[in-house]
Amino acid sequence: MILFGVILSIAGIASLIWGIYANNSLEQQFSSVMSGGSGNPGTIFIIIGAVVLVIGIVLLIMGYTKKSKKSN
């Protein structure tokens, strides 16, 4: 559970960074507007990244508490 939490946390951070980059990139915004998409192409990545990061942190906490209970 700890390993899965670490993987999800890293994926969430990467998705957050990519979303912020896409929202701040003028090239991404132009291509999104020209193709008929929204004006903020990275917003979905920011939302997904935040959710995955929170799930990863919860799994890390649950894994550490379960591990500390077994060692007692």
N, C-alpha and C. Protein backbone atom coordinates (compact mmCIF):
# COMPACT_ATOMS: atom_id res chain seq x y z
N MET A 1 0.82 -1.18 0.00
CA MET A 1 0.00 0.00 0.00
C MET A 1 0.87 1.25 0.00
N ILE A 2 2.01 1.18 0.66
CA ILE A 2 2.91 2.32 0.71
C ILE A 2 3.48 2.60 -0.68
N LEU A 3 3.87 1.55 -1.39
CA LEU A 3 4.43 1.72 -2.73
C LEU A 3 3.40 2.32 -3.68
N PHE A 4 2.17 1.84 -3.63
CA PHE A 4 1.11 2.37 -4.47
C PHE A 4 0.83 3.84 -4.13
N GLY A 5 0.90 4.18 -2.86
CA GLY A 5 0.73 5.57 -2.44
C GLY A 5 1.82 6.47 -2.97
N VAL A 6 3.06 5.98 -2.97
CA VAL A 6 4.18 6.75 -3.51
C VAL A 6 4.00 6.96 -5.01
N ILE A 7 3.61 5.90 -5.71
CA ILE A 7 3.42 5.98 -7.16
C ILE A 7 2.31 6.98 -7.49
N LEU A 8 1.19 6.90 -6.77
CA LEU A 8 0.09 7.84 -7.01
C LEU A 8 0.48 9.28 -6.66
N SER A 9 1.26 9.45 -5.62
CA SER A 9 1.69 10.79 -5.24
C SER A 9 2.58 11.40 -6.32
N ILE A 10 3.50 10.61 -6.83
CA ILE A 10 4.39 11.09 -7.90
C ILE A 10 3.60 11.40 -9.16
N ALA A 11 2.65 10.53 -9.50
CA ALA A 11 1.82 10.77 -10.69
C ALA A 11 0.96 12.02 -10.51
N GLY A 12 0.45 12.23 -9.31
CA GLY A 12 -0.35 13.43 -9.04
C GLY A 12 0.46 14.70 -9.15
N ILE A 13 1.67 14.68 -8.64
CA ILE A 13 2.55 15.85 -8.73
C ILE A 13 2.91 16.13 -10.19
N ALA A 14 3.20 15.06 -10.94
CA ALA A 14 3.53 15.24 -12.36
C ALA A 14 2.35 15.81 -13.13
N SER A 15 1.16 15.34 -12.84
CA SER A 15 -0.03 15.84 -13.52
C SER A 15 -0.30 17.30 -13.15
N LEU A 16 -0.10 17.64 -11.90
CA LEU A 16 -0.25 19.03 -11.48
C LEU A 16 0.72 19.94 -12.21
N ILE A 17 1.97 19.53 -12.29
CA ILE A 17 2.99 20.34 -12.96
C ILE A 17 2.66 20.48 -14.44
N TRP A 18 2.25 19.38 -15.08
CA TRP A 18 1.90 19.45 -16.50
C TRP A 18 0.70 20.37 -16.72
N GLY A 19 -0.29 20.31 -15.86
CA GLY A 19 -1.46 21.17 -15.99
C GLY A 19 -1.13 22.64 -15.82
N ILE A 20 -0.28 22.94 -14.86
CA ILE A 20 0.13 24.33 -14.65
C ILE A 20 0.94 24.82 -15.85
N TYR A 21 1.81 23.95 -16.37
CA TYR A 21 2.59 24.32 -17.55
C TYR A 21 1.67 24.56 -18.76
N ALA A 22 0.68 23.71 -18.94
CA ALA A 22 -0.23 23.86 -20.08
C ALA A 22 -1.08 25.11 -19.96
N ASN A 23 -1.47 25.47 -18.75
CA ASN A 23 -2.26 26.69 -18.57
C ASN A 23 -1.42 27.94 -18.79
N ASN A 24 -0.13 27.86 -18.51
CA ASN A 24 0.74 29.02 -18.66
C ASN A 24 1.44 29.07 -20.00
N SER A 25 1.31 28.05 -20.81
CA SER A 25 1.97 28.00 -22.11
C SER A 25 1.09 28.69 -23.15
N LEU A 26 1.61 29.71 -23.77
CA LEU A 26 0.86 30.44 -24.78
C LEU A 26 0.58 29.56 -26.00
N GLU A 27 1.54 28.71 -26.36
CA GLU A 27 1.36 27.80 -27.49
C GLU A 27 0.21 26.83 -27.26
N GLN A 28 0.14 26.25 -26.06
CA GLN A 28 -0.94 25.32 -25.73
C GLN A 28 -2.30 26.02 -25.76
N GLN A 29 -2.36 27.22 -25.27
CA GLN A 29 -3.62 27.94 -25.25
C GLN A 29 -4.09 28.30 -26.66
N PHE A 30 -3.14 28.71 -27.52
CA PHE A 30 -3.51 29.01 -28.90
C PHE A 30 -4.01 27.77 -29.63
N SER A 31 -3.32 26.66 -29.46
CA SER A 31 -3.75 25.44 -30.15
C SER A 31 -5.09 24.95 -29.62
N SER A 32 -5.35 25.14 -28.33
CA SER A 32 -6.62 24.74 -27.76
C SER A 32 -7.77 25.61 -28.28
N VAL A 33 -7.55 26.90 -28.36
CA VAL A 33 -8.59 27.81 -28.84
C VAL A 33 -8.84 27.58 -30.33
N MET A 34 -7.78 27.37 -31.09
CA MET A 34 -7.94 27.17 -32.54
C MET A 34 -8.65 25.86 -32.87
N SER A 35 -8.49 24.87 -32.03
CA SER A 35 -9.14 23.58 -32.29
C SER A 35 -10.54 23.52 -31.69
N GLY A 36 -11.01 24.60 -31.12
CA GLY A 36 -12.36 24.65 -30.58
C GLY A 36 -12.47 24.19 -29.15
N GLY A 37 -11.35 24.02 -28.49
CA GLY A 37 -11.37 23.58 -27.10
C GLY A 37 -11.54 24.75 -26.15
N SER A 38 -11.35 24.48 -24.90
CA SER A 38 -11.48 25.53 -23.90
C SER A 38 -10.24 26.42 -23.91
N GLY A 39 -10.34 27.53 -23.22
CA GLY A 39 -9.22 28.46 -23.15
C GLY A 39 -8.15 28.03 -22.17
N ASN A 40 -8.45 27.11 -21.28
CA ASN A 40 -7.50 26.63 -20.29
C ASN A 40 -7.32 25.12 -20.44
N PRO A 41 -6.40 24.70 -21.29
CA PRO A 41 -6.29 23.27 -21.59
C PRO A 41 -5.74 22.42 -20.44
N GLY A 42 -5.08 23.01 -19.47
CA GLY A 42 -4.47 22.22 -18.41
C GLY A 42 -5.31 22.06 -17.16
N THR A 43 -6.49 22.63 -17.14
CA THR A 43 -7.31 22.60 -15.94
C THR A 43 -7.69 21.18 -15.55
N ILE A 44 -8.01 20.34 -16.51
CA ILE A 44 -8.38 18.96 -16.19
C ILE A 44 -7.20 18.20 -15.59
N PHE A 45 -5.98 18.49 -16.07
CA PHE A 45 -4.80 17.84 -15.49
C PHE A 45 -4.55 18.31 -14.07
N ILE A 46 -4.83 19.56 -13.79
CA ILE A 46 -4.67 20.08 -12.43
C ILE A 46 -5.66 19.39 -11.49
N ILE A 47 -6.89 19.26 -11.92
CA ILE A 47 -7.92 18.62 -11.08
C ILE A 47 -7.58 17.15 -10.85
N ILE A 48 -7.26 16.44 -11.93
CA ILE A 48 -6.90 15.02 -11.79
C ILE A 48 -5.67 14.86 -10.92
N GLY A 49 -4.67 15.71 -11.12
CA GLY A 49 -3.44 15.63 -10.32
C GLY A 49 -3.69 15.85 -8.85
N ALA A 50 -4.56 16.81 -8.52
CA ALA A 50 -4.87 17.07 -7.12
C ALA A 50 -5.58 15.89 -6.48
N VAL A 51 -6.54 15.31 -7.21
CA VAL A 51 -7.28 14.17 -6.67
C VAL A 51 -6.36 12.97 -6.47
N VAL A 52 -5.52 12.68 -7.46
CA VAL A 52 -4.61 11.54 -7.37
C VAL A 52 -3.58 11.76 -6.26
N LEU A 53 -3.11 12.99 -6.10
CA LEU A 53 -2.15 13.30 -5.04
C LEU A 53 -2.77 13.08 -3.67
N VAL A 54 -4.00 13.52 -3.48
CA VAL A 54 -4.68 13.32 -2.18
C VAL A 54 -4.88 11.84 -1.90
N ILE A 55 -5.29 11.07 -2.91
CA ILE A 55 -5.46 9.63 -2.74
C ILE A 55 -4.13 8.97 -2.39
N GLY A 56 -3.06 9.39 -3.06
CA GLY A 56 -1.74 8.85 -2.77
C GLY A 56 -1.29 9.14 -1.35
N ILE A 57 -1.53 10.35 -0.89
CA ILE A 57 -1.15 10.71 0.49
C ILE A 57 -1.96 9.91 1.50
N VAL A 58 -3.26 9.73 1.23
CA VAL A 58 -4.10 8.93 2.13
C VAL A 58 -3.60 7.49 2.19
N LEU A 59 -3.23 6.92 1.04
CA LEU A 59 -2.70 5.55 1.03
C LEU A 59 -1.37 5.46 1.77
N LEU A 60 -0.53 6.47 1.63
CA LEU A 60 0.73 6.49 2.38
C LEU A 60 0.48 6.51 3.88
N ILE A 61 -0.42 7.35 4.32
CA ILE A 61 -0.72 7.45 5.76
C ILE A 61 -1.31 6.14 6.26
N MET A 62 -2.24 5.56 5.49
CA MET A 62 -2.83 4.29 5.90
C MET A 62 -1.78 3.18 5.94
N GLY A 63 -0.88 3.18 4.98
CA GLY A 63 0.17 2.16 4.96
C GLY A 63 1.12 2.29 6.13
N TYR A 64 1.51 3.53 6.47
CA TYR A 64 2.41 3.71 7.60
C TYR A 64 1.75 3.37 8.93
N THR A 65 0.47 3.71 9.07
CA THR A 65 -0.21 3.39 10.33
C THR A 65 -0.41 1.87 10.45
N LYS A 66 -0.70 1.22 9.34
CA LYS A 66 -0.86 -0.23 9.38
C LYS A 66 0.47 -0.91 9.69
N LYS A 67 1.55 -0.35 9.13
CA LYS A 67 2.88 -0.91 9.37
C LYS A 67 3.32 -0.71 10.83
N SER A 68 2.98 0.44 11.40
CA SER A 68 3.37 0.69 12.79
C SER A 68 2.55 -0.15 13.77
N LYS A 69 1.31 -0.47 13.41
CA LYS A 69 0.48 -1.34 14.28
C LYS A 69 1.01 -2.76 14.27
N LYS A 70 1.53 -3.22 13.13
CA LYS A 70 2.06 -4.58 13.04
C LYS A 70 3.36 -4.72 13.83
N SER A 71 4.16 -3.65 13.90
CA SER A 71 5.44 -3.74 14.60
C SER A 71 5.26 -3.70 16.10
N ASN A 72 4.12 -3.24 16.60
CA ASN A 72 3.88 -3.19 18.06
C ASN A 72 3.47 -4.49 18.58
